[in-house]
Amino acid sequence: MEEINDSLVAVFAGTTLDAGMIQSLLEEQGIPAFIQNELMGSIAPWQIMPGGAGAVKVQVSSTNQERALQIINDFSLNAEEEEI
């Protein structure tokens, strides 16, 4: 029997609002996503540093990591182009 080594990996870290948007984006693409530290972002948002200590993180299965990062990157690039 083949053993599958699958774990959760963080693909995004930021505010509660941003993490929720990223989670929705990934799930729309068929990638199950989970939010870590969501309660901390709600209880003490002033302690959350986007991408830093205490940030709310979006996690996916390590088997979906590469695809999730590509989706997030494409979304970020499109958002930047629309701002210009």
N, C-alpha and C. Protein backbone atom coordinates (compact mmCIF):
# COMPACT_ATOMS: atom_id res chain seq x y z
N MET A 1 0.84 -1.18 0.00
CA MET A 1 0.00 0.00 0.00
C MET A 1 0.89 1.25 0.00
N GLU A 2 0.57 2.18 -0.89
CA GLU A 2 1.35 3.40 -1.02
C GLU A 2 0.92 4.42 0.03
N GLU A 3 1.90 4.97 0.73
CA GLU A 3 1.61 5.98 1.75
C GLU A 3 1.63 7.37 1.11
N ILE A 4 0.64 8.16 1.40
CA ILE A 4 0.58 9.51 0.87
C ILE A 4 1.01 10.47 1.97
N ASN A 5 2.06 11.24 1.71
CA ASN A 5 2.55 12.22 2.67
C ASN A 5 1.96 13.57 2.29
N ASP A 6 0.85 13.90 2.91
CA ASP A 6 0.13 15.13 2.58
C ASP A 6 -0.04 15.94 3.86
N SER A 7 0.35 17.19 3.81
CA SER A 7 0.22 18.05 4.98
C SER A 7 -0.31 19.41 4.53
N LEU A 8 -0.71 20.23 5.49
CA LEU A 8 -1.18 21.57 5.18
C LEU A 8 0.01 22.52 5.11
N VAL A 9 -0.02 23.39 4.12
CA VAL A 9 1.02 24.40 3.96
C VAL A 9 0.36 25.76 3.79
N ALA A 10 0.99 26.80 4.29
CA ALA A 10 0.47 28.15 4.17
C ALA A 10 0.82 28.70 2.79
N VAL A 11 -0.20 29.25 2.10
CA VAL A 11 0.03 29.85 0.79
C VAL A 11 -0.24 31.35 0.79
N PHE A 12 -0.76 31.86 1.92
CA PHE A 12 -1.04 33.29 2.03
C PHE A 12 -1.07 33.67 3.50
N ALA A 13 -0.61 34.87 3.82
CA ALA A 13 -0.70 35.40 5.18
C ALA A 13 -1.05 36.87 5.08
N GLY A 14 -2.04 37.28 5.86
CA GLY A 14 -2.45 38.68 5.83
C GLY A 14 -3.58 38.93 6.81
N THR A 15 -4.43 39.87 6.47
CA THR A 15 -5.55 40.22 7.34
C THR A 15 -6.67 39.20 7.22
N THR A 16 -7.61 39.24 8.15
CA THR A 16 -8.74 38.32 8.12
C THR A 16 -9.54 38.50 6.83
N LEU A 17 -9.77 39.74 6.44
CA LEU A 17 -10.54 40.02 5.23
C LEU A 17 -9.85 39.47 3.99
N ASP A 18 -8.56 39.73 3.85
CA ASP A 18 -7.81 39.24 2.69
C ASP A 18 -7.76 37.72 2.66
N ALA A 19 -7.56 37.11 3.82
CA ALA A 19 -7.49 35.65 3.90
C ALA A 19 -8.82 35.03 3.48
N GLY A 20 -9.92 35.64 3.88
CA GLY A 20 -11.23 35.15 3.49
C GLY A 20 -11.44 35.22 1.99
N MET A 21 -10.97 36.31 1.37
CA MET A 21 -11.09 36.44 -0.09
C MET A 21 -10.25 35.39 -0.81
N ILE A 22 -9.05 35.16 -0.32
CA ILE A 22 -8.17 34.16 -0.93
C ILE A 22 -8.76 32.77 -0.75
N GLN A 23 -9.31 32.48 0.43
CA GLN A 23 -9.93 31.18 0.67
C GLN A 23 -11.07 30.96 -0.34
N SER A 24 -11.91 31.95 -0.52
CA SER A 24 -13.02 31.84 -1.48
C SER A 24 -12.51 31.64 -2.90
N LEU A 25 -11.50 32.40 -3.27
CA LEU A 25 -10.91 32.28 -4.61
C LEU A 25 -10.42 30.86 -4.87
N LEU A 26 -9.69 30.30 -3.90
CA LEU A 26 -9.16 28.94 -4.07
C LEU A 26 -10.27 27.91 -4.13
N GLU A 27 -11.26 28.05 -3.26
CA GLU A 27 -12.35 27.07 -3.23
C GLU A 27 -13.18 27.13 -4.50
N GLU A 28 -13.31 28.32 -5.12
CA GLU A 28 -13.99 28.44 -6.41
C GLU A 28 -13.25 27.67 -7.50
N GLN A 29 -11.95 27.50 -7.32
CA GLN A 29 -11.13 26.76 -8.28
C GLN A 29 -10.99 25.28 -7.90
N GLY A 30 -11.74 24.85 -6.89
CA GLY A 30 -11.74 23.44 -6.50
C GLY A 30 -10.64 23.04 -5.54
N ILE A 31 -10.01 24.01 -4.90
CA ILE A 31 -8.94 23.72 -3.94
C ILE A 31 -9.47 23.97 -2.53
N PRO A 32 -9.63 22.93 -1.72
CA PRO A 32 -10.06 23.15 -0.33
C PRO A 32 -9.02 23.99 0.40
N ALA A 33 -9.48 25.02 1.10
CA ALA A 33 -8.58 25.94 1.80
C ALA A 33 -9.09 26.15 3.22
N PHE A 34 -8.16 26.32 4.13
CA PHE A 34 -8.47 26.47 5.55
C PHE A 34 -7.79 27.71 6.09
N ILE A 35 -8.46 28.38 7.00
CA ILE A 35 -7.88 29.59 7.60
C ILE A 35 -7.36 29.27 8.99
N GLN A 36 -6.12 29.67 9.23
CA GLN A 36 -5.47 29.51 10.53
C GLN A 36 -5.38 30.88 11.18
N ASN A 37 -5.62 30.95 12.47
CA ASN A 37 -5.55 32.18 13.27
C ASN A 37 -6.68 33.15 12.98
N GLU A 38 -7.79 32.64 12.45
CA GLU A 38 -8.91 33.53 12.11
C GLU A 38 -9.47 34.22 13.36
N LEU A 39 -9.55 33.51 14.46
CA LEU A 39 -10.08 34.11 15.68
C LEU A 39 -9.17 35.21 16.20
N MET A 40 -7.87 35.01 16.08
CA MET A 40 -6.93 36.04 16.53
C MET A 40 -7.13 37.32 15.73
N GLY A 41 -7.40 37.17 14.44
CA GLY A 41 -7.64 38.34 13.61
C GLY A 41 -8.91 39.07 13.99
N SER A 42 -9.88 38.34 14.56
CA SER A 42 -11.13 38.96 14.98
C SER A 42 -11.03 39.53 16.39
N ILE A 43 -10.33 38.84 17.26
CA ILE A 43 -10.23 39.26 18.66
C ILE A 43 -9.27 40.44 18.83
N ALA A 44 -8.13 40.36 18.16
CA ALA A 44 -7.11 41.41 18.32
C ALA A 44 -6.54 41.81 16.97
N PRO A 45 -7.34 42.45 16.11
CA PRO A 45 -6.85 42.79 14.77
C PRO A 45 -5.65 43.72 14.76
N TRP A 46 -5.48 44.52 15.80
CA TRP A 46 -4.33 45.43 15.87
C TRP A 46 -3.02 44.68 16.08
N GLN A 47 -3.10 43.39 16.46
CA GLN A 47 -1.89 42.60 16.64
C GLN A 47 -1.50 41.83 15.37
N ILE A 48 -2.33 41.90 14.37
CA ILE A 48 -2.08 41.17 13.14
C ILE A 48 -1.26 42.04 12.20
N MET A 49 -0.15 41.49 11.76
CA MET A 49 0.69 42.17 10.78
C MET A 49 0.58 41.37 9.48
N PRO A 50 0.03 41.93 8.39
CA PRO A 50 -0.10 41.17 7.16
C PRO A 50 1.20 40.51 6.74
N GLY A 51 1.15 39.19 6.62
CA GLY A 51 2.32 38.44 6.22
C GLY A 51 3.34 38.24 7.31
N GLY A 52 3.12 38.79 8.49
CA GLY A 52 4.11 38.69 9.55
C GLY A 52 3.60 37.93 10.75
N ALA A 53 4.11 38.27 11.90
CA ALA A 53 3.76 37.59 13.13
C ALA A 53 2.29 37.75 13.43
N GLY A 54 1.64 36.65 13.73
CA GLY A 54 0.24 36.69 14.10
C GLY A 54 -0.72 36.85 12.94
N ALA A 55 -0.23 36.82 11.71
CA ALA A 55 -1.08 37.00 10.55
C ALA A 55 -2.05 35.83 10.40
N VAL A 56 -3.19 36.11 9.80
CA VAL A 56 -4.15 35.07 9.47
C VAL A 56 -3.61 34.38 8.22
N LYS A 57 -3.58 33.04 8.24
CA LYS A 57 -2.97 32.30 7.14
C LYS A 57 -4.00 31.42 6.44
N VAL A 58 -3.84 31.32 5.13
CA VAL A 58 -4.65 30.39 4.34
C VAL A 58 -3.78 29.19 4.06
N GLN A 59 -4.30 28.01 4.38
CA GLN A 59 -3.55 26.78 4.19
C GLN A 59 -4.27 25.86 3.21
N VAL A 60 -3.47 25.13 2.43
CA VAL A 60 -4.00 24.13 1.51
C VAL A 60 -3.16 22.86 1.67
N SER A 61 -3.65 21.80 1.07
CA SER A 61 -2.90 20.55 1.04
C SER A 61 -1.60 20.77 0.26
N SER A 62 -0.55 20.13 0.70
CA SER A 62 0.74 20.29 0.00
C SER A 62 0.65 19.84 -1.45
N THR A 63 -0.28 18.93 -1.76
CA THR A 63 -0.44 18.50 -3.15
C THR A 63 -1.06 19.60 -4.01
N ASN A 64 -1.73 20.57 -3.40
CA ASN A 64 -2.34 21.68 -4.13
C ASN A 64 -1.54 22.98 -4.03
N GLN A 65 -0.40 22.94 -3.36
CA GLN A 65 0.36 24.16 -3.08
C GLN A 65 0.75 24.91 -4.35
N GLU A 66 1.33 24.25 -5.30
CA GLU A 66 1.82 24.92 -6.51
C GLU A 66 0.67 25.57 -7.28
N ARG A 67 -0.41 24.84 -7.45
CA ARG A 67 -1.57 25.39 -8.17
C ARG A 67 -2.19 26.57 -7.41
N ALA A 68 -2.28 26.45 -6.08
CA ALA A 68 -2.85 27.52 -5.26
C ALA A 68 -2.01 28.78 -5.38
N LEU A 69 -0.69 28.64 -5.31
CA LEU A 69 0.19 29.81 -5.42
C LEU A 69 0.06 30.47 -6.78
N GLN A 70 -0.12 29.68 -7.82
CA GLN A 70 -0.29 30.23 -9.17
C GLN A 70 -1.61 31.01 -9.26
N ILE A 71 -2.68 30.47 -8.69
CA ILE A 71 -3.98 31.14 -8.70
C ILE A 71 -3.88 32.47 -7.94
N ILE A 72 -3.25 32.45 -6.77
CA ILE A 72 -3.10 33.67 -5.96
C ILE A 72 -2.25 34.69 -6.72
N ASN A 73 -1.17 34.25 -7.34
CA ASN A 73 -0.30 35.14 -8.10
C ASN A 73 -1.06 35.77 -9.27
N ASP A 74 -1.80 34.95 -10.02
CA ASP A 74 -2.58 35.47 -11.15
C ASP A 74 -3.60 36.49 -10.67
N PHE A 75 -4.26 36.21 -9.56
CA PHE A 75 -5.24 37.13 -8.99
C PHE A 75 -4.59 38.45 -8.60
N SER A 76 -3.43 38.37 -7.96
CA SER A 76 -2.71 39.57 -7.53
C SER A 76 -2.28 40.42 -8.72
N LEU A 77 -1.79 39.77 -9.77
CA LEU A 77 -1.36 40.51 -10.96
C LEU A 77 -2.55 41.19 -11.63
N ASN A 78 -3.69 40.50 -11.71
CA ASN A 78 -4.88 41.11 -12.30
C ASN A 78 -5.37 42.29 -11.47
N ALA A 79 -5.31 42.17 -10.16
CA ALA A 79 -5.74 43.26 -9.28
C ALA A 79 -4.84 44.48 -9.45
N GLU A 80 -3.54 44.26 -9.59
CA GLU A 80 -2.60 45.37 -9.78
C GLU A 80 -2.84 46.06 -11.12
N GLU A 81 -3.13 45.30 -12.16
CA GLU A 81 -3.37 45.88 -13.49
C GLU A 81 -4.63 46.72 -13.48
N GLU A 82 -5.64 46.32 -12.72
CA GLU A 82 -6.89 47.07 -12.67
C GLU A 82 -6.72 48.39 -11.91
N GLU A 83 -5.75 48.46 -11.00
CA GLU A 83 -5.50 49.68 -10.24
C GLU A 83 -4.81 50.75 -11.09
N ILE A 84 -4.10 50.32 -12.11
CA ILE A 84 -3.31 51.26 -12.93
C ILE A 84 -4.20 52.05 -13.87
